[in-house]
Protein backbone atom coordinates (compact mmCIF):
# COMPACT_ATOMS: atom_id res chain seq x y z
CA MET A 1 -3.49 -47.50 18.02
CA ILE A 2 -2.95 -44.89 15.58
CA GLN A 3 -4.52 -45.83 11.75
CA LEU A 4 -1.40 -44.78 9.69
CA VAL A 5 -2.61 -45.91 6.23
CA LYS A 6 -6.15 -45.34 4.69
CA ILE A 7 -7.42 -47.02 1.40
CA GLU A 8 -10.35 -45.28 -0.52
CA GLU A 9 -11.38 -46.86 -3.95
CA ASN A 10 -7.92 -46.11 -5.96
CA SER A 11 -6.12 -43.72 -3.50
CA ILE A 12 -4.16 -44.37 -0.52
CA ALA A 13 -3.17 -41.83 2.48
CA LEU A 14 -0.25 -41.89 4.80
CA ASN A 15 -0.85 -40.30 8.26
CA THR A 16 2.47 -38.54 8.72
CA ASN A 17 1.18 -37.55 12.25
CA MET A 18 2.79 -33.88 11.75
CA THR A 19 1.28 -30.62 11.93
CA SER A 20 1.51 -28.47 8.93
CA GLU A 21 4.26 -26.21 10.31
CA THR A 22 6.34 -29.36 11.21
CA PHE A 23 6.03 -30.81 8.10
CA ALA A 24 7.17 -27.77 6.57
CA LYS A 25 10.21 -27.16 8.89
CA THR A 26 11.01 -31.05 8.11
CA ARG A 27 10.92 -30.20 4.37
CA PHE A 28 9.59 -33.47 3.48
CA ALA A 29 7.06 -31.81 0.56
CA GLU A 30 10.48 -31.37 -1.37
CA LYS A 31 10.93 -35.34 -1.22
CA ILE A 32 7.49 -35.93 -2.09
CA LYS A 33 8.63 -38.02 -5.19
CA GLU A 34 10.70 -40.22 -3.03
CA LYS A 35 10.13 -43.82 -4.69
CA GLY A 36 8.20 -46.78 -3.36
CA VAL A 37 8.00 -49.81 -5.31
CA LEU A 38 4.71 -51.57 -6.93
CA ALA A 39 5.18 -55.13 -7.67
CA GLU A 40 3.03 -56.61 -10.29
CA LEU A 41 2.66 -60.23 -11.32
CA ASN A 42 3.25 -60.89 -14.73
CA GLY A 43 2.56 -64.66 -15.27
CA ASN A 44 5.18 -66.60 -13.15
CA LYS A 45 7.43 -63.54 -12.49
CA TRP A 46 7.23 -59.98 -10.65
CA ASP A 47 7.66 -56.80 -12.77
CA TYR A 48 8.76 -53.46 -10.46
CA THR A 49 7.88 -50.04 -11.32
CA PRO A 50 8.46 -46.88 -8.88
CA TRP A 51 5.60 -45.60 -7.19
CA THR A 52 5.35 -42.23 -5.35
CA PHE A 53 2.76 -40.00 -3.66
CA ASP A 54 1.28 -37.42 -5.67
CA SER A 55 0.14 -34.87 -2.87
CA THR A 56 -0.29 -33.78 0.51
CA GLU A 57 -3.59 -32.69 2.24
CA GLU A 58 -4.60 -31.72 5.67
CA LYS A 59 -7.15 -33.20 8.09
CA ASP A 60 -7.85 -32.13 11.64
CA GLY A 61 -4.46 -30.44 11.38
CA ILE A 62 -2.37 -33.41 10.50
CA ILE A 63 -0.50 -33.68 7.05
CA PHE A 64 -1.36 -36.83 4.91
CA MET A 65 0.46 -38.01 1.96
CA THR A 66 -1.86 -39.03 -0.90
CA GLY A 67 -1.26 -41.15 -4.02
CA THR A 68 -2.89 -43.26 -6.52
CA ALA A 69 -3.27 -47.01 -6.00
CA PHE A 70 -5.45 -49.74 -6.46
CA ARG A 71 -8.49 -51.60 -4.12
CA GLY A 72 -6.72 -53.61 -1.48
CA LYS A 73 -5.75 -54.19 2.04
CA ILE A 74 -2.96 -53.52 4.19
CA ALA A 75 -0.96 -56.61 4.70
CA SER A 76 -0.44 -56.44 8.50
CA GLU A 77 -4.28 -56.29 9.05
CA ILE A 78 -5.08 -59.62 7.00
CA LEU A 79 -1.85 -61.21 9.10
CA GLU A 80 -3.45 -60.19 12.38
CA SER A 81 -7.26 -60.80 11.67
CA GLY A 82 -7.64 -62.93 8.40
CA THR A 83 -8.58 -66.31 8.29
CA ASN A 84 -5.65 -69.22 8.36
CA GLU A 85 -6.35 -69.51 4.56
CA GLU A 86 -5.82 -65.68 3.92
CA VAL A 87 -2.82 -65.17 6.19
CA GLN A 88 -1.26 -68.38 4.44
CA HIS A 89 -1.99 -67.19 1.02
CA LEU A 90 -0.89 -63.53 1.85
CA ALA A 91 2.33 -65.03 3.53
CA LYS A 92 3.13 -66.93 0.22
CA ILE A 93 2.73 -63.90 -1.86
CA LEU A 94 4.70 -61.66 0.29
CA CYS A 95 7.61 -64.21 0.68
CA GLY A 96 7.65 -64.88 -3.11
CA VAL A 97 7.83 -61.27 -3.74
CA PHE A 98 10.60 -60.82 -1.19
CA GLU A 99 12.68 -64.00 -2.76
CA ASP A 100 12.37 -62.80 -6.36
CA SER A 101 13.50 -59.18 -5.16
CA ILE A 102 16.59 -60.90 -3.69
CA GLU A 103 17.20 -62.70 -6.96
CA THR A 104 16.54 -59.77 -9.49
CA LYS A 105 18.04 -57.38 -6.96
CA ALA A 106 14.82 -55.22 -7.07
CA PRO A 107 14.91 -52.00 -4.97
CA VAL A 108 12.31 -53.63 -2.57
CA ALA A 109 12.56 -52.17 0.81
CA ASN A 110 12.45 -54.19 3.89
CA ILE A 111 9.36 -52.27 5.93
CA GLY A 112 6.82 -53.69 8.05
CA CYS A 113 3.82 -55.42 6.90
CA GLY A 114 1.95 -52.04 7.97
CA GLY A 115 3.49 -50.36 5.07
CA ILE A 116 2.60 -53.06 2.36
CA ILE A 117 -0.40 -52.86 0.70
CA VAL A 118 -2.07 -55.82 -1.57
CA SER A 119 -4.78 -55.81 -4.03
CA ASP A 120 -7.83 -57.85 -3.37
CA ASP A 121 -6.42 -60.47 -6.30
CA CYS A 122 -2.86 -60.39 -4.77
CA LYS A 123 -1.74 -59.54 -7.93
CA LYS A 124 -0.05 -56.11 -6.96
CA VAL A 125 1.93 -55.54 -3.88
CA LEU A 126 2.67 -51.91 -3.25
CA PHE A 127 5.98 -51.07 -0.73
CA LEU A 128 5.28 -47.33 0.21
CA PRO A 129 8.49 -45.20 0.26
CA TYR A 130 10.76 -46.19 3.10
CA ASN A 131 11.54 -42.88 4.30
CA PHE A 132 7.97 -41.90 4.50
CA TRP A 133 6.68 -45.01 6.04
CA THR A 134 9.45 -44.95 8.62
CA MET A 135 8.89 -41.33 9.77
CA ALA A 136 5.15 -41.84 10.04
CA VAL A 137 5.32 -45.29 12.09
CA MET A 138 8.16 -44.38 14.31
CA SER A 139 6.24 -41.07 15.57
CA ALA A 140 3.14 -42.98 16.23
CA GLY A 141 3.88 -44.78 19.45
CA ASP A 142 5.09 -48.02 20.43
CA GLU A 143 2.22 -49.87 20.38
CA THR A 144 1.64 -48.81 16.75
CA PHE A 145 5.14 -49.23 15.95
CA SER A 146 5.20 -52.88 17.06
CA SER A 147 2.12 -54.08 15.22
CA SER A 148 2.75 -52.43 12.02
CA ASN A 149 6.54 -52.43 11.80
CA GLY A 150 8.38 -53.95 14.64
CA ILE A 151 7.18 -57.41 14.82
CA TYR A 152 8.21 -58.10 11.21
CA ILE A 153 11.72 -56.88 11.24
CA ASN A 154 15.03 -57.04 12.54
CA GLN A 155 16.76 -53.96 11.62
CA ASN A 156 20.22 -54.89 13.06
CA GLN A 157 21.18 -56.89 9.79
CA ASN A 158 22.38 -56.61 6.09
CA ARG A 159 19.30 -56.23 3.61
CA GLU A 160 19.22 -60.09 2.84
CA SER A 161 19.59 -61.20 6.29
CA ALA A 162 16.75 -58.79 7.39
CA ILE A 163 14.57 -60.10 4.48
CA ARG A 164 15.24 -63.49 5.41
CA PHE A 165 14.22 -62.63 9.09
CA THR A 166 10.78 -61.21 7.61
CA GLN A 167 10.16 -64.09 5.42
CA ALA A 168 10.70 -66.42 8.66
CA VAL A 169 8.17 -64.28 10.66
CA LEU A 170 5.75 -64.61 7.73
CA VAL A 171 6.20 -68.62 7.38
CA TYR A 172 6.10 -68.82 11.33
CA LYS A 173 2.76 -67.06 11.33
CA ALA A 174 1.05 -68.88 8.53
CA ILE A 175 1.77 -72.27 10.16
CA ALA A 176 1.50 -71.67 13.89
CA GLY A 177 -1.04 -68.95 13.77
CA ILE A 178 1.14 -66.75 15.83
CA PHE A 179 4.01 -64.35 15.52
CA PRO A 180 7.58 -65.73 17.03
CA PHE A 181 8.34 -62.38 18.42
CA ALA A 182 4.79 -60.84 19.53
CA GLU A 183 5.84 -58.67 22.36
CA LYS A 184 4.25 -55.14 21.57
CA ASP A 185 6.77 -53.41 23.86
CA THR A 186 9.87 -52.75 21.87
CA LYS A 187 12.71 -52.84 24.53
CA LYS A 188 11.26 -56.19 25.63
CA ARG A 189 10.93 -57.65 22.13
CA SER A 190 14.60 -56.48 21.30
CA ALA A 191 15.74 -58.77 24.26
CA ASP A 192 13.61 -61.50 22.94
CA ILE A 193 15.03 -61.42 19.47
CA LEU A 194 18.51 -61.36 21.34
CA ASP A 195 17.87 -64.21 23.33
CA GLY A 196 15.85 -66.33 20.83
CA ASN A 197 12.91 -66.29 23.27
CA TYR A 198 10.09 -67.95 21.10
CA ILE A 199 8.73 -71.56 20.81
CA PHE A 200 10.70 -73.19 17.90
CA LEU A 201 8.20 -73.92 14.73
CA LYS A 202 8.51 -77.52 15.32
CA TRP A 203 7.03 -77.17 18.69
CA THR A 204 3.77 -75.26 17.38
CA VAL A 205 2.36 -77.72 14.93
CA PRO A 206 3.00 -81.55 14.12
CA GLY A 207 4.47 -82.85 10.99
CA ILE A 208 6.19 -79.63 9.92
CA ASN A 209 8.74 -79.80 6.75
CA LYS A 210 12.24 -79.94 7.83
CA GLU A 211 13.38 -77.48 5.71
CA LEU A 212 10.86 -74.84 7.11
CA ILE A 213 11.87 -75.71 10.66
CA SER A 214 15.68 -75.03 9.94
CA PHE A 215 14.94 -72.13 7.77
CA THR A 216 13.00 -70.36 10.23
CA GLU A 217 15.18 -71.29 13.40
CA ARG A 218 18.32 -70.00 11.40
CA ALA A 219 16.90 -66.73 9.82
CA LEU A 220 15.54 -65.99 13.33
CA SER A 221 18.74 -66.17 14.82
CA ALA A 222 20.61 -64.04 12.25
CA LYS A 223 22.10 -67.51 10.44
CA PRO A 224 19.93 -67.50 7.51
CA THR A 225 19.81 -70.05 4.65
CA GLY A 226 18.21 -69.82 1.30
CA PHE A 227 14.28 -69.47 1.69
CA PRO A 228 12.55 -73.21 0.96
CA SER A 229 10.19 -71.93 -1.71
CA ASN A 230 8.90 -75.13 -2.89
CA ALA A 231 8.52 -76.57 0.94
CA PHE A 232 6.37 -73.47 1.75
CA ASP A 233 4.12 -73.05 -1.40
CA ASN A 234 3.28 -76.94 -0.99
CA TYR A 235 2.85 -76.77 2.76
CA ARG A 236 -0.17 -78.60 3.98
CA LYS A 237 -1.19 -79.46 7.83
CA ALA A 238 -0.24 -82.93 8.62
CA GLU A 239 -2.73 -85.67 9.28
CA ILE A 240 -1.88 -87.48 12.42
CA THR A 241 -3.61 -89.83 14.97
CA GLU A 242 -4.77 -88.67 18.33
CA GLU A 243 -2.13 -90.50 20.09
CA GLU A 244 0.71 -89.09 18.07
CA LEU A 245 -0.92 -85.63 18.88
CA LEU A 246 -0.98 -86.52 22.68
CA LYS A 247 3.03 -87.39 22.47
CA PHE A 248 3.49 -84.28 20.33
CA TYR A 249 1.99 -82.10 23.00
CA LYS A 250 3.88 -83.80 25.76
CA ASP A 251 7.26 -83.38 23.87
CA ALA A 252 6.79 -79.50 23.38
CA GLU A 253 5.90 -78.97 26.75
CA ALA A 254 9.09 -80.44 28.00
CA ALA A 255 10.89 -78.59 25.01
CA ALA A 256 9.18 -75.38 26.00
CA SER A 257 10.37 -76.03 29.88
CA ILE A 258 13.81 -76.31 28.61
CA LYS A 259 13.79 -73.26 26.38
CA LYS A 260 12.28 -71.00 29.34
CA LYS A 261 15.26 -72.29 31.50
CA LYS A 262 17.87 -71.63 28.75
CA VAL A 263 16.28 -67.88 28.30
CA GLN A 264 16.27 -67.37 31.93
CA SER A 265 20.00 -68.73 32.39
CA LYS A 266 21.35 -66.45 29.21
CA ARG A 267 19.40 -63.14 30.95
CA PHE A 268 20.70 -64.20 34.36
CA VAL A 269 24.36 -64.18 33.35
CA ARG A 270 24.01 -61.05 31.37
CA THR A 271 21.94 -59.02 33.99
CA LYS A 272 24.81 -60.15 36.93
CA GLN A 273 27.83 -59.73 35.01
CA THR A 274 30.22 -56.98 36.22
CA ALA A 275 32.95 -55.31 34.50
CA ILE A 276 35.51 -52.95 34.92
CA ILE A 277 35.07 -50.27 32.46
CA SER A 278 35.63 -46.58 31.54
CA ILE A 279 32.34 -45.29 32.42
CA SER A 280 32.91 -41.66 32.16
CA ILE A 281 34.79 -41.61 28.83
CA ALA A 282 32.13 -43.94 27.63
CA THR A 283 29.35 -41.30 28.97
CA ALA A 284 31.03 -38.71 26.82
CA ILE A 285 30.15 -40.84 23.83
CA ILE A 286 26.58 -40.40 24.76
CA LEU A 287 26.89 -36.76 25.07
CA LEU A 288 28.63 -36.57 21.32
CA ILE A 289 25.61 -38.25 20.16
CA VAL A 290 22.80 -36.53 21.37
CA GLY A 291 24.26 -33.12 22.57
CA ASN A 292 22.55 -29.74 21.94
CA LEU A 293 24.23 -27.98 19.29
CA ARG A 294 21.70 -25.10 19.22
CA LYS A 295 23.98 -22.63 20.90
CA THR A 296 26.36 -20.42 19.07
CA SER A 297 29.98 -20.34 20.31
CA LEU A 298 29.63 -17.28 22.50
CA GLU A 299 26.43 -18.51 24.40
CA LYS A 300 28.47 -22.03 25.23
CA PRO A 301 29.27 -22.32 28.76
CA THR A 302 33.31 -21.90 29.69
CA SER A 303 35.09 -23.07 32.87
CA LYS A 304 36.92 -19.71 32.92
CA SER A 305 36.74 -17.89 36.25
CA LEU A 306 35.85 -21.13 38.08
CA THR A 307 37.84 -22.97 40.82
CA SER A 308 39.14 -26.28 40.12
CA LEU A 309 36.36 -27.78 42.08
CA GLU A 310 34.11 -25.80 40.26
CA THR A 311 35.20 -27.00 37.03
CA LEU A 312 35.11 -30.49 38.01
CA GLU A 313 31.65 -30.20 39.18
CA MET A 314 30.89 -28.41 36.07
CA TYR A 315 31.95 -31.60 33.96
CA TYR A 316 29.66 -34.07 36.12
CA THR A 317 26.83 -31.68 36.05
CA ALA A 318 27.15 -31.98 32.05
CA LEU A 319 27.53 -35.50 32.09
CA ASN A 320 24.17 -35.60 34.29
CA ASP A 321 22.20 -33.11 32.20
CA LEU A 322 23.87 -34.66 28.75
CA ASN A 323 24.93 -31.19 27.99
CA VAL A 324 27.82 -31.80 25.21
CA ASP A 325 28.80 -27.91 24.92
CA ALA A 326 29.53 -27.98 28.81
CA VAL A 327 31.73 -31.11 28.30
CA LYS A 328 33.68 -29.82 25.65
CA ASN A 329 34.47 -26.41 26.95
CA CYS A 330 35.61 -27.78 30.40
CA THR A 331 37.81 -30.69 29.07
CA TYR A 332 41.14 -31.19 27.24
CA GLY A 333 42.77 -34.35 25.98
CA LEU A 334 39.95 -36.79 26.57
CA SER A 335 39.23 -37.31 22.54
CA ASP A 336 41.68 -40.10 21.93
CA HIS A 337 40.29 -42.11 24.90
CA ILE A 338 36.72 -41.49 23.40
CA ASP A 339 37.83 -42.65 20.33
CA ALA A 340 39.47 -45.81 21.37
CA ILE A 341 36.58 -47.27 23.34
CA SER A 342 33.58 -45.90 20.84
CA ASN A 343 33.26 -48.93 19.21
CA ILE A 344 33.40 -51.30 22.38
CA PHE A 345 30.77 -48.68 24.08
CA LEU A 346 28.55 -48.38 21.36
CA LYS A 347 28.10 -52.22 20.86
CA SER A 348 27.73 -52.92 24.33
CA ARG A 349 25.72 -49.80 25.85
CA THR A 350 23.57 -48.39 22.99
CA ARG A 351 21.17 -51.28 22.29
CA SER A 352 18.21 -49.47 22.73
CA MET A 353 14.76 -49.11 20.74
CA TYR A 354 13.43 -45.62 19.85
CA ASP A 355 10.50 -44.26 21.63
CA ARG A 356 9.49 -40.64 20.53
CA GLN A 357 6.94 -40.35 23.75
CA SER A 358 9.60 -40.74 26.22
CA ASP A 359 12.45 -38.06 27.34
CA THR A 360 15.58 -39.00 29.36
CA MET A 361 15.83 -37.02 32.69
CA ASN A 362 18.64 -37.35 34.87
CA PRO A 363 17.70 -39.71 38.29
CA ALA A 364 16.91 -36.93 40.55
CA ALA A 365 14.68 -35.15 38.03
CA TRP A 366 12.89 -38.59 37.09
CA LEU A 367 12.08 -39.01 40.80
CA ILE A 368 10.44 -35.49 40.76
CA LYS A 369 8.65 -35.78 37.27
CA ASN A 370 6.33 -38.93 38.48
CA GLN A 371 6.59 -39.75 34.55
CA ILE A 372 7.28 -43.40 34.43
CA ARG A 373 7.81 -43.39 30.43
CA HIS A 374 10.47 -41.53 30.85
CA ASN A 375 14.11 -42.89 30.47
CA ILE A 376 16.73 -42.36 33.22
CA PHE A 377 20.50 -41.30 32.41
CA GLY A 378 22.58 -39.68 34.83
CA LEU A 379 24.42 -39.44 38.12
CA SER A 380 23.43 -40.00 41.75
CA GLN A 381 25.39 -40.47 44.98
CA PHE A 382 27.99 -37.68 43.65
CA TYR A 383 30.74 -37.24 46.05
CA ILE A 384 34.04 -35.48 45.53
CA ASP A 385 36.89 -36.41 48.15
CA GLY A 386 34.27 -37.63 50.57
CA LYS A 387 32.20 -34.58 50.48
CA GLU A 388 28.90 -34.32 48.50
CA GLY A 389 29.26 -32.64 45.55
CA SER A 390 27.10 -30.26 43.20
CA LEU A 391 25.49 -31.07 40.05
CA LEU A 392 24.24 -27.87 39.45
CA VAL A 393 27.22 -25.84 38.23
CA GLU A 394 27.04 -25.04 34.70
CA GLY A 395 29.86 -22.09 34.17
CA PRO A 396 29.60 -18.62 32.84
CA ARG A 397 28.77 -18.25 29.24
CA LYS A 398 31.43 -16.79 26.78
CA ASN A 399 29.54 -13.75 25.85
CA THR A 400 29.77 -12.50 29.73
CA LYS A 401 33.40 -12.39 29.38
CA PRO A 402 34.39 -14.00 32.61
CA GLU A 403 37.60 -12.92 34.36
CA PRO A 404 40.53 -15.61 34.44
CA LEU A 405 41.01 -16.74 38.07
CA THR A 406 44.72 -15.75 39.17
CA GLU A 407 44.85 -17.52 42.52
CA GLU A 408 42.91 -20.15 44.42
CA ASP A 409 43.20 -20.94 48.35
CA GLY A 410 45.39 -17.77 48.65
CA ILE A 411 48.27 -19.35 46.23
CA LYS A 412 48.73 -18.18 42.79
CA ILE A 413 47.72 -20.06 39.84
CA LYS A 414 50.29 -20.42 36.92
CA SER A 415 49.68 -22.45 33.76
CA GLY A 416 50.64 -26.26 34.25
CA ASP A 417 49.25 -26.37 37.81
CA VAL A 418 47.27 -29.65 38.47
CA LYS A 419 44.78 -30.65 41.22
CA LYS A 420 43.89 -34.29 41.99
CA PHE A 421 40.15 -35.33 43.00
CA HIS A 422 38.72 -38.61 43.77
CA VAL A 423 35.07 -38.68 42.80
CA THR A 424 32.53 -41.46 43.64
CA TYR A 425 29.17 -41.70 42.15
CA THR A 426 26.45 -44.01 40.34
CA VAL A 427 25.62 -44.13 36.63
CA LEU A 428 22.09 -45.10 36.05
CA ASP A 429 20.86 -46.03 32.39
CA THR A 430 17.69 -47.52 31.62
CA THR A 431 18.16 -47.29 27.76
CA GLY A 432 18.46 -51.07 27.23
CA GLU A 433 15.76 -53.72 27.43
CA ASP A 434 13.73 -54.15 30.78
CA LEU A 435 16.94 -52.99 32.22
CA LEU A 436 18.30 -50.50 34.95
CA ALA A 437 22.08 -50.42 34.85
CA ALA A 438 23.49 -49.07 38.04
CA THR A 439 27.08 -48.45 37.76
CA LYS A 440 29.29 -47.54 41.06
CA THR A 441 32.18 -45.86 39.58
CA HIS A 442 35.37 -44.32 41.12
CA ASP A 443 37.20 -41.76 39.30
CA ALA A 444 40.72 -40.39 39.85
CA VAL A 445 40.52 -37.00 38.43
CA GLU A 446 43.13 -34.51 37.20
CA VAL A 447 42.02 -30.89 36.67
CA THR A 448 44.84 -28.78 34.96
CA TYR A 449 45.36 -24.86 34.71
CA MET A 450 45.62 -24.21 30.83
CA LYS A 451 46.28 -20.50 30.02
CA ASP A 452 43.68 -18.68 31.72
CA ARG A 453 41.38 -21.71 33.12
CA TRP A 454 40.98 -25.24 34.69
CA VAL A 455 39.84 -28.01 32.68
CA VAL A 456 39.46 -31.74 33.06
CA SER A 457 42.69 -33.25 31.45
CA LYS A 458 42.64 -36.79 32.74
CA ILE A 459 40.19 -39.37 34.27
CA ILE A 460 41.15 -42.87 35.41
CA THR A 461 37.97 -44.66 36.08
CA VAL A 462 37.01 -48.06 37.94
CA ALA A 463 33.59 -49.30 37.81
CA GLU A 464 31.15 -51.98 38.53
CA THR A 465 27.70 -52.59 37.06
CA THR A 466 24.83 -54.13 38.75
CA ASP A 467 21.54 -54.57 36.92
CA PHE A 468 18.14 -54.15 38.21
CA LYS A 469 14.56 -55.06 36.28
CA LEU A 470 13.16 -51.68 35.18
CA SER A 471 9.74 -52.89 35.60
CA GLU A 472 10.58 -53.91 39.25
CA PHE A 473 12.18 -50.58 40.15
CA ILE A 474 8.96 -48.58 38.36
CA GLU A 475 6.54 -50.76 40.21
CA ASP A 476 8.15 -50.04 43.64
CA TYR A 477 8.11 -46.39 42.78
CA LEU A 478 4.51 -46.34 41.90
CA VAL A 479 3.72 -48.05 45.25
CA CYS A 480 5.48 -45.61 47.45
CA MET A 481 4.78 -42.33 45.28
CA LYS A 482 1.69 -40.51 45.62
CA PRO A 483 -0.14 -40.47 42.15
CA GLU A 484 0.58 -37.39 40.20
CA SER A 485 2.27 -35.56 42.96
CA HIS A 486 5.62 -33.44 42.56
CA GLU A 487 5.80 -32.35 46.17
CA ARG A 488 9.03 -32.46 47.70
CA LYS A 489 7.91 -34.18 50.87
CA ASP A 490 5.97 -36.87 48.65
CA VAL A 491 9.68 -37.61 46.77
CA LEU A 492 11.46 -37.71 49.98
CA ALA A 493 9.13 -40.13 51.41
CA ALA A 494 9.32 -42.33 48.63
CA ARG A 495 13.11 -42.02 48.60
CA THR A 496 13.15 -43.10 51.98
CA VAL A 497 11.34 -46.22 51.09
CA LEU A 498 12.96 -46.96 47.71
CA MET A 499 16.82 -46.47 49.89
CA GLU A 500 15.87 -49.76 51.65
CA LYS A 501 16.06 -51.98 48.47
CA TYR A 502 18.32 -49.79 46.30
CA PHE A 503 21.51 -48.32 46.75
CA PHE A 504 21.48 -45.87 43.56
CA VAL A 505 18.53 -43.52 44.87
CA SER A 506 19.45 -39.83 44.67
CA THR A 507 20.38 -37.88 47.82
CA VAL A 508 18.16 -35.32 49.22
CA HIS A 509 20.75 -32.66 48.18
CA GLU A 510 20.57 -34.02 44.62
CA ILE A 511 16.66 -33.80 44.78
CA ASP A 512 16.65 -30.41 45.92
CA GLU A 513 19.07 -29.29 42.95
CA ALA A 514 16.72 -31.43 40.74
CA TYR A 515 13.76 -28.73 41.76
CA GLN A 516 16.10 -26.13 41.08
CA TYR A 517 17.13 -27.73 37.45
CA LEU A 518 13.32 -28.35 36.63
CA LYS A 519 12.50 -24.92 37.52
CA LYS A 520 15.08 -23.30 35.58
CA ILE A 521 14.01 -25.30 32.32
CA SER A 522 10.41 -24.55 33.10
CA VAL A 523 9.25 -28.00 33.61
CA PHE A 524 7.08 -26.66 36.94
CA ASN A 525 6.63 -23.41 38.49
CA PHE A 526 7.49 -23.96 41.91
CA ASP A 527 6.73 -20.37 43.22
């Protein structure tokens, strides 16, 4: 795990995880005066003043942001390894600052406790500048992100609800001695938060105040109430008899069993549900979000000079490779459909956590790369009118001045001509929690000749999704795939084994095309 914050006497240094070259390109140096907040206890109230980094320095090729501060400790380190008394005291201090910031509307950012510095006497609390802290922690890998930030916050809430969530985490840790959502894998933790997969506070320690129980349960389920300051400030561990303790443990065990079954049931329903959705159009939303906009207009691909079939293959190649330029330049009239379903799709299909260390590969390329941290998004089992299609058709560049097609199958083409195709394929998507969604898709597609080229003009889709556990699929892959190999014979051998269990595994033809694709983008040298 990377140490992001270093405290030395009266200074603080934040590891940006950036080289000097990268730091210069991001132009963060120009924003060095972005403000954090220093909260200082003044009698019974907190005073807030802006705080900024002073300068930057380079150590071992990495840029550190430095600023003047005070002797103290990182809040997350105390919460992770402090004594019960230290943890409870710190939790009360932080909850108090957060509560005061809500009441006074102080600009305290809801950052994870790894970005909060507390003075030795707990009378000063420094919240590092939000953007600098977020940039650093998100580039440090999932383990560091989770320990320093993720286990404390739920970003899918407004500011007050998010702060209530963090307060609930602090109360829970102070009383139970553990975190409610301690999973260090962000995707799994996101699922736990969604499903309420934690032990209710009342079943961790006997005799807890009902106000604290109600607050934590509501705040951790995104239905917060006001923070019970008095109840928490005055919390003391209850004294009970041995007989009462035995009964408590028995009841707690029964409650845990019931909770486990509820979570399993909830996940079973979610993973087994099927839906008829417009998956091809939905896929285009991802393209609009993650598309590559680096190319100039003349360098972009076009469907000009392609046949109707090649234009269709260009479109699905673009979906498979997440190439927004190609999608835009071989389609017409699909934007209204994209706008109509964007809100629904974004809510139901993009619940994924950020992982800087993983790339997204199409299914066949993923099998070849043999890097299980990569995400999977793309097509497999791709057929057009019952015949295997190509996912390697990119279209010529506009600056090559391709000639328009004038006839097809010996028949002259005119503007307005339409060709119809039936396309089947499976969309694979691992951008959710421990989930591999495999969507069997049937598209009725129309390709229309407009002016001087064919374009995909209409798609009617029927689709059905089956969900698999990603971790189980990866385990099966590792069992049958030779470690660190990219050899075709090893990939095909693994494919044969996987096909016995998974209907969506890429075809031999798709794997062979993926080798060409990977060679083209210089992932491997196969010569």
